[in-house]
């Protein structure tokens, strides 16, 4: 069914704007009125990374009048494979600073501001207030659920996407959608966040750079449709994109009836604290592996990550294999201290919990993972 445009038209276009946005003005679905709506729109983009990069570039090129860039990270060399809003000269800068400079240079019609902050349950509402819609290109579940809850409370649409290796999901959530439209949110798709460490980040699993460019651009298309009241947004539908098979599939999504309770529910009682897993520094582990009675070092990263180097003498069992199998049958000893290793620590902590559930007691986690090993012990190994 037709839906109302989110934003009222702004002032008439100047001669310069008529020229700049001429290709939009020729589209019956946008036209001059739609372009004036875009210039009056206020859009927040959470995450200036793989998804945020193309989204920000095309929002600015489309003439969105006010853009807020929200991110707490800095540009790293490994980002440049896909985060096209940044360049080699931006390495070390905050992503907000880099993205804001690029957007300002791309279109002076855009009033762009940056918020160098990590979005949490405590600050999400304040960060996202006074925007017409939000695009979520974040890369962690805490932020995704905080953004979703804030958008539900504010009543604004949320264009959402997630990419895993060579596949992606993209949709639009709007729990305050006009009557007759599917009023759905993230919790209708995924009621609760996954267990920490159970879903590898792109830094652990890899990601196809061109795919995030495609999905980020689709997020901007969703935003343009919502602002101008044109086309058919992905409300009540999740688009699944498989880049390796060159296929797209639309999956229906209906309200689950849990939403108000999910957003406003009282805090659940804290679960019983799990036994703490002892950590060992990279420097201390380097000394231990050379000494008599050395620990059993178990690397739980994915096979492709082993090419970036390992702790000398360590064994390798991917986390998924360890969780699905019998640690005894896999050769994990019970009569030695087991030191778990991953890239940065979360997967090793999850592996320790898995072994503890099987009755293992002498467990330690390499503090900071292989990134710490590179920094403290063997800087010749590549960071990734």
Protein backbone atom coordinates (compact mmCIF):
# COMPACT_ATOMS: atom_id res chain seq x y z
CA UNK A 1 0.00 0.00 0.00
CA UNK A 2 1.18 3.61 -0.52
CA UNK A 3 2.87 5.16 2.49
CA UNK A 4 3.28 8.83 3.41
CA UNK A 5 6.59 10.60 2.84
CA UNK A 6 8.56 11.00 6.06
CA UNK A 7 9.66 14.58 5.42
CA UNK A 8 7.85 17.71 4.32
CA UNK A 9 9.41 19.50 1.31
CA UNK A 10 11.95 22.21 2.03
CA UNK A 11 12.38 25.52 0.18
CA UNK A 12 12.34 25.74 -3.62
CA UNK A 13 15.52 24.58 -5.32
CA UNK A 14 18.16 27.09 -6.34
CA UNK A 15 19.39 27.17 -9.94
CA UNK A 16 22.56 25.39 -8.83
CA UNK A 17 20.52 22.68 -7.14
CA UNK A 18 18.33 22.25 -10.20
CA UNK A 19 21.50 21.44 -12.12
CA UNK A 20 23.10 19.28 -9.45
CA UNK A 21 20.06 17.07 -8.87
CA UNK A 22 18.80 17.08 -12.47
CA UNK A 23 18.84 13.29 -12.76
CA UNK A 24 16.62 12.97 -9.69
CA UNK A 25 14.26 15.63 -10.97
CA UNK A 26 13.71 13.58 -14.11
CA UNK A 27 12.45 10.62 -12.08
CA UNK A 28 8.67 10.60 -11.62
CA UNK A 29 9.15 8.86 -8.27
CA UNK A 30 11.26 11.73 -6.90
CA UNK A 31 10.93 14.90 -8.96
CA UNK A 32 11.38 18.39 -7.56
CA UNK A 33 9.15 17.79 -4.53
CA UNK A 34 11.02 14.62 -3.61
CA UNK A 35 14.36 16.39 -3.93
CA UNK A 36 13.14 19.14 -1.63
CA UNK A 37 12.15 16.46 0.86
CA UNK A 38 15.65 14.98 0.70
CA UNK A 39 17.24 18.37 1.30
CA UNK A 40 15.02 18.80 4.37
CA UNK A 41 15.72 15.31 5.76
CA UNK A 42 17.74 14.55 8.89
CA UNK A 43 19.42 11.14 8.77
CA UNK A 44 21.70 9.45 11.31
CA UNK A 45 24.14 6.78 10.16
CA UNK A 46 25.48 4.53 12.90
CA UNK A 47 28.81 3.14 11.80
CA UNK A 48 31.20 4.68 9.27
CA UNK A 49 32.60 1.31 8.19
CA UNK A 50 31.78 -1.13 5.41
CA UNK A 51 28.05 -0.42 5.23
CA UNK A 52 28.21 3.17 6.40
CA UNK A 53 30.81 4.16 3.79
CA UNK A 54 28.68 3.71 0.64
CA UNK A 55 25.53 4.76 2.50
CA UNK A 56 27.09 8.06 3.56
CA UNK A 57 28.50 8.76 0.12
CA UNK A 58 25.19 8.18 -1.64
CA UNK A 59 23.13 10.01 1.01
CA UNK A 60 25.36 13.02 0.50
CA UNK A 61 25.28 12.70 -3.28
CA UNK A 62 21.48 12.44 -3.15
CA UNK A 63 21.32 15.76 -1.30
CA UNK A 64 20.18 14.68 2.17
CA UNK A 65 20.28 17.97 4.02
CA UNK A 66 21.47 16.91 7.48
CA UNK A 67 23.60 13.83 8.18
CA UNK A 68 24.94 12.67 11.53
CA UNK A 69 27.84 10.21 11.47
CA UNK A 70 28.14 8.08 14.63
CA UNK A 71 31.19 5.90 15.28
CA UNK A 72 33.79 5.39 18.00
CA UNK A 73 36.48 3.62 15.96
CA UNK A 74 39.59 4.73 14.10
CA UNK A 75 40.62 3.94 10.53
CA UNK A 76 42.85 0.87 10.25
CA UNK A 77 44.69 -0.35 7.16
CA UNK A 78 42.53 -3.49 7.10
CA UNK A 79 39.43 -1.28 6.68
CA UNK A 80 40.50 0.01 3.28
CA UNK A 81 39.53 -3.21 1.47
CA UNK A 82 35.86 -2.22 1.78
CA UNK A 83 35.37 1.06 3.69
CA UNK A 84 35.57 3.30 0.65
CA UNK A 85 34.82 6.58 2.40
CA UNK A 86 38.30 6.41 3.93
CA UNK A 87 41.66 6.45 2.13
CA UNK A 88 45.26 5.58 2.94
CA UNK A 89 45.86 9.06 4.33
CA UNK A 90 43.04 8.50 6.84
CA UNK A 91 44.70 5.59 8.66
CA UNK A 92 44.92 6.47 12.34
CA UNK A 93 42.23 9.14 12.19
CA UNK A 94 38.84 8.63 13.79
CA UNK A 95 36.34 7.27 11.30
CA UNK A 96 34.00 10.12 12.16
CA UNK A 97 36.63 12.74 11.31
CA UNK A 98 37.52 10.99 8.04
CA UNK A 99 33.88 10.46 6.99
CA UNK A 100 32.76 13.98 7.87
CA UNK A 101 35.59 15.50 5.80
CA UNK A 102 34.70 13.33 2.81
CA UNK A 103 30.97 14.12 2.96
CA UNK A 104 31.60 17.85 3.30
CA UNK A 105 33.84 17.75 0.27
CA UNK A 106 31.31 15.77 -1.73
CA UNK A 107 28.29 18.03 -1.27
CA UNK A 108 28.19 21.46 0.40
CA UNK A 109 24.38 21.18 0.59
CA UNK A 110 24.83 18.59 3.37
CA UNK A 111 25.12 19.78 6.94
CA UNK A 112 27.17 16.89 8.31
CA UNK A 113 28.17 16.46 11.94
CA UNK A 114 30.07 13.68 13.69
CA UNK A 115 29.50 11.96 17.02
CA UNK A 116 32.60 10.10 18.18
CA UNK A 117 30.74 7.81 20.57
CA UNK A 118 29.83 4.17 20.95
CA UNK A 119 26.05 3.76 20.95
CA UNK A 120 24.76 1.94 24.04
CA UNK A 121 21.43 1.40 25.77
CA UNK A 122 22.22 4.40 27.96
CA UNK A 123 22.90 6.97 25.23
CA UNK A 124 21.14 5.67 22.09
CA UNK A 125 17.98 7.72 22.51
CA UNK A 126 19.88 10.98 22.98
CA UNK A 127 22.24 10.29 20.07
CA UNK A 128 19.41 9.44 17.63
CA UNK A 129 16.75 11.93 18.73
CA UNK A 130 15.63 14.63 16.28
CA UNK A 131 16.34 12.54 13.19
CA UNK A 132 13.78 11.49 10.62
CA UNK A 133 15.31 8.05 10.16
CA UNK A 134 18.37 6.01 11.08
CA UNK A 135 20.65 3.72 9.10
CA UNK A 136 22.40 1.07 11.17
CA UNK A 137 25.71 -0.10 9.74
CA UNK A 138 27.21 -1.11 13.08
CA UNK A 139 29.21 -4.28 13.59
CA UNK A 140 28.27 -5.48 17.07
CA UNK A 141 25.08 -6.80 18.63
CA UNK A 142 25.07 -4.48 21.64
CA UNK A 143 24.89 -1.46 19.35
CA UNK A 144 22.35 -3.03 16.98
CA UNK A 145 19.88 -3.80 19.75
CA UNK A 146 20.44 -0.42 21.42
CA UNK A 147 19.77 1.38 18.13
CA UNK A 148 16.66 -0.71 17.50
CA UNK A 149 15.24 -0.02 20.97
CA UNK A 150 15.89 3.72 20.64
CA UNK A 151 14.25 3.88 17.19
CA UNK A 152 11.23 2.00 18.56
CA UNK A 153 10.87 4.49 21.41
CA UNK A 154 11.39 7.48 19.09
CA UNK A 155 9.01 6.06 16.48
CA UNK A 156 11.45 6.53 13.60
CA UNK A 157 12.22 4.04 10.81
CA UNK A 158 15.44 2.05 10.98
CA UNK A 159 17.16 0.83 7.82
CA UNK A 160 19.16 -2.19 8.92
CA UNK A 161 21.63 -4.57 7.29
CA UNK A 162 24.08 -7.27 8.27
CA UNK A 163 26.80 -8.89 6.17
CA UNK A 164 28.51 -12.21 6.83
CA UNK A 165 31.34 -13.20 4.51
CA UNK A 166 29.62 -13.31 1.09
CA UNK A 167 25.94 -13.02 2.08
CA UNK A 168 23.80 -10.29 3.58
CA UNK A 169 20.41 -9.33 4.95
CA UNK A 170 18.84 -5.90 4.51
CA UNK A 171 15.46 -4.61 5.66
CA UNK A 172 13.59 -1.67 7.15
CA UNK A 173 12.18 -1.77 10.67
CA UNK A 174 9.49 0.67 11.80
CA UNK A 175 7.55 -0.23 14.91
CA UNK A 176 5.50 2.97 14.54
CA UNK A 177 4.63 2.39 10.89
CA UNK A 178 1.31 3.87 9.71
CA UNK A 179 -1.72 1.65 10.06
CA UNK A 180 -1.84 -1.01 7.38
CA UNK A 181 1.95 -1.32 7.13
CA UNK A 182 3.95 -4.03 8.94
CA UNK A 183 5.15 -2.52 12.24
CA UNK A 184 8.21 -4.70 12.77
CA UNK A 185 11.53 -4.36 14.56
CA UNK A 186 14.79 -6.19 14.98
CA UNK A 187 13.39 -8.36 17.78
CA UNK A 188 10.72 -9.68 15.42
CA UNK A 189 13.56 -11.05 13.29
CA UNK A 190 16.03 -11.97 16.05
CA UNK A 191 14.26 -11.90 19.44
CA UNK A 192 17.49 -11.87 21.44
CA UNK A 193 21.16 -11.19 20.74
CA UNK A 194 23.29 -14.28 20.11
CA UNK A 195 25.67 -15.60 22.72
CA UNK A 196 28.79 -13.39 22.86
CA UNK A 197 31.51 -14.76 20.62
CA UNK A 198 29.22 -17.23 18.84
CA UNK A 199 29.04 -15.16 15.63
CA UNK A 200 32.47 -14.21 14.22
CA UNK A 201 33.00 -10.57 13.31
CA UNK A 202 34.27 -9.71 9.84
CA UNK A 203 37.75 -9.40 11.32
CA UNK A 204 37.53 -13.08 12.20
CA UNK A 205 35.46 -14.50 9.33
CA UNK A 206 36.33 -12.20 6.41
CA UNK A 207 33.95 -10.21 4.24
CA UNK A 208 33.62 -9.50 0.51
CA UNK A 209 34.30 -5.79 0.07
CA UNK A 210 32.13 -5.34 -2.99
CA UNK A 211 29.16 -6.86 -1.18
CA UNK A 212 29.12 -4.25 1.58
CA UNK A 213 29.23 -1.60 -1.14
CA UNK A 214 26.16 -3.15 -2.75
CA UNK A 215 24.25 -3.48 0.53
CA UNK A 216 25.20 -0.01 1.78
CA UNK A 217 23.89 1.46 -1.47
CA UNK A 218 20.65 -0.51 -1.05
CA UNK A 219 20.30 1.00 2.43
CA UNK A 220 20.47 4.46 0.88
CA UNK A 221 17.81 3.48 -1.66
CA UNK A 222 15.58 2.47 1.25
CA UNK A 223 16.22 5.82 2.92
CA UNK A 224 15.36 7.74 -0.25
CA UNK A 225 12.09 5.81 -0.65
CA UNK A 226 11.11 6.49 2.95
CA UNK A 227 11.94 10.20 2.82
CA UNK A 228 10.14 10.78 -0.48
CA UNK A 229 7.23 8.35 -0.06
CA UNK A 230 8.09 6.50 -3.26
CA UNK A 231 8.46 2.90 -4.32
CA UNK A 232 8.01 -0.03 -1.97
CA UNK A 233 10.36 -0.12 1.01
CA UNK A 234 11.41 -3.36 2.65
CA UNK A 235 8.86 -3.06 5.43
CA UNK A 236 7.77 -6.53 6.46
CA UNK A 237 10.34 -8.13 4.16
CA UNK A 238 13.95 -9.14 4.65
CA UNK A 239 16.03 -9.27 1.50
CA UNK A 240 18.64 -12.04 1.58
CA UNK A 241 21.51 -11.51 -0.86
CA UNK A 242 23.92 -14.31 -1.79
CA UNK A 243 26.71 -12.69 -3.77
CA UNK A 244 28.39 -15.98 -4.70
CA UNK A 245 25.20 -17.39 -6.23
CA UNK A 246 24.11 -13.98 -7.58
CA UNK A 247 20.66 -14.46 -6.04
CA UNK A 248 18.28 -12.38 -3.94
CA UNK A 249 15.35 -13.70 -1.97
CA UNK A 250 12.61 -11.74 -0.19
CA UNK A 251 11.57 -13.28 3.16
CA UNK A 252 8.30 -12.13 4.80
CA UNK A 253 8.55 -10.69 8.32
CA UNK A 254 5.50 -10.13 10.52
CA UNK A 255 5.11 -8.51 13.96
CA UNK A 256 5.62 -11.05 16.72
CA UNK A 257 3.65 -9.30 19.44
CA UNK A 258 6.68 -9.04 21.72
CA UNK A 259 7.81 -5.54 20.85
CA UNK A 260 6.56 -3.18 23.56
CA UNK A 261 7.65 -5.66 26.20
CA UNK A 262 11.05 -6.03 24.59
CA UNK A 263 11.70 -2.29 24.51
CA UNK A 264 10.26 -1.34 27.88
CA UNK A 265 10.62 -4.56 29.85
CA UNK A 266 12.24 -4.33 33.29
CA UNK A 267 15.75 -5.56 33.61
CA UNK A 268 15.91 -9.31 34.08
CA UNK A 269 17.66 -10.66 37.16
CA UNK A 270 21.34 -11.13 36.54
CA UNK A 271 22.21 -14.77 35.81
CA UNK A 272 24.54 -16.54 38.21
CA UNK A 273 28.11 -15.48 37.56
CA UNK A 274 30.10 -18.02 35.61
CA UNK A 275 33.49 -19.02 37.00
CA UNK A 276 36.11 -16.58 35.84
CA UNK A 277 38.67 -17.83 33.36
CA UNK A 278 42.23 -16.87 34.20
CA UNK A 279 44.11 -14.95 31.54
CA UNK A 280 47.78 -15.11 30.69
CA UNK A 281 49.71 -12.34 28.99
CA UNK A 282 51.48 -12.91 25.70
CA UNK A 283 54.86 -12.25 27.30
CA UNK A 284 54.19 -14.77 30.09
CA UNK A 285 52.94 -17.39 27.62
CA UNK A 286 56.06 -16.95 25.48
CA UNK A 287 58.17 -17.87 28.50
CA UNK A 288 55.93 -20.79 29.46
CA UNK A 289 56.02 -22.50 26.07
CA UNK A 290 59.82 -22.65 26.29
CA UNK A 291 59.85 -24.10 29.82
CA UNK A 292 59.50 -27.71 31.02
CA UNK A 293 55.90 -28.72 31.69
CA UNK A 294 54.61 -26.24 29.16
CA UNK A 295 50.84 -25.75 28.81
CA UNK A 296 48.77 -27.16 25.97
CA UNK A 297 48.12 -24.15 23.73
CA UNK A 298 44.94 -24.51 21.68
CA UNK A 299 44.21 -22.08 18.83
CA UNK A 300 40.46 -21.93 18.12
CA UNK A 301 40.51 -19.56 15.15
CA UNK A 302 39.21 -20.40 11.69
CA UNK A 303 41.56 -22.33 9.37
CA UNK A 304 42.16 -19.31 7.11
CA UNK A 305 43.43 -17.30 10.09
CA UNK A 306 46.27 -19.72 10.77
CA UNK A 307 48.16 -18.24 7.81
CA UNK A 308 48.68 -15.10 9.89
CA UNK A 309 50.78 -17.05 12.39
CA UNK A 310 50.39 -19.15 15.53
CA UNK A 311 51.89 -19.44 18.98
CA UNK A 312 54.79 -21.89 18.52
CA UNK A 313 53.83 -25.46 19.37
CA UNK A 314 50.11 -24.78 19.57
CA UNK A 315 47.40 -27.13 18.35
CA UNK A 316 44.51 -25.98 16.18
CA UNK A 317 40.84 -26.87 16.60
CA UNK A 318 38.30 -24.34 15.25
CA UNK A 319 35.79 -23.16 17.83
CA UNK A 320 32.81 -24.67 15.97
CA UNK A 321 34.53 -28.07 15.88
CA UNK A 322 35.35 -27.87 19.57
CA UNK A 323 31.78 -26.93 20.53
CA UNK A 324 30.21 -29.66 18.42
CA UNK A 325 32.64 -32.45 19.29
CA UNK A 326 34.12 -34.38 22.19
CA UNK A 327 37.22 -32.54 23.49
CA UNK A 328 38.76 -35.80 24.72
CA UNK A 329 38.36 -37.39 21.29
CA UNK A 330 39.79 -34.22 19.73
CA UNK A 331 42.93 -34.65 21.79
CA UNK A 332 42.54 -31.91 24.40
CA UNK A 333 44.41 -33.16 27.49
CA UNK A 334 43.03 -33.00 31.01
CA UNK A 335 46.35 -33.33 32.84
CA UNK A 336 47.86 -30.05 31.57
CA UNK A 337 46.86 -26.42 31.70
CA UNK A 338 45.04 -25.55 28.47
CA UNK A 339 45.64 -22.05 27.12
CA UNK A 340 42.98 -20.98 24.60
CA UNK A 341 43.96 -18.60 21.80
CA UNK A 342 41.94 -16.65 19.22
CA UNK A 343 42.43 -13.36 17.44
CA UNK A 344 41.52 -11.02 20.30
CA UNK A 345 40.03 -13.07 23.15
CA UNK A 346 36.22 -13.51 22.89
CA UNK A 347 36.25 -16.82 21.02
CA UNK A 348 38.91 -18.20 23.34
CA UNK A 349 36.72 -17.28 26.33
CA UNK A 350 33.81 -19.11 24.70
CA UNK A 351 36.05 -22.12 24.07
CA UNK A 352 37.06 -22.10 27.74
CA UNK A 353 33.40 -22.17 28.75
CA UNK A 354 32.86 -25.12 26.40
CA UNK A 355 35.73 -27.06 27.94
CA UNK A 356 34.58 -26.19 31.45
CA UNK A 357 31.18 -27.67 30.63
CA UNK A 358 33.00 -30.90 29.77
CA UNK A 359 34.70 -30.95 33.17
CA UNK A 360 38.03 -29.33 32.28
CA UNK A 361 39.46 -27.25 35.13
CA UNK A 362 42.95 -26.00 34.23
CA UNK A 363 42.02 -23.33 31.69
CA UNK A 364 43.54 -20.00 30.72
CA UNK A 365 42.91 -17.54 27.89
CA UNK A 366 45.61 -15.60 26.06
CA UNK A 367 44.84 -12.02 27.06
CA UNK A 368 44.34 -9.99 23.88
CA UNK A 369 44.75 -13.03 21.65
CA UNK A 370 47.10 -13.15 18.68
CA UNK A 371 46.93 -9.37 18.37
CA UNK A 372 48.67 -9.14 21.75
CA UNK A 373 51.15 -11.84 20.68
CA UNK A 374 52.11 -9.73 17.66
CA UNK A 375 52.46 -6.59 19.79
CA UNK A 376 54.37 -8.14 22.69
CA UNK A 377 56.24 -11.15 21.32
CA UNK A 378 56.53 -11.40 17.53
CA UNK A 379 56.01 -8.13 15.64
CA UNK A 380 57.11 -9.85 12.42
CA UNK A 381 53.68 -11.48 12.20
CA UNK A 382 50.97 -9.50 10.35
CA UNK A 383 48.03 -7.91 12.14
CA UNK A 384 44.69 -8.52 10.46
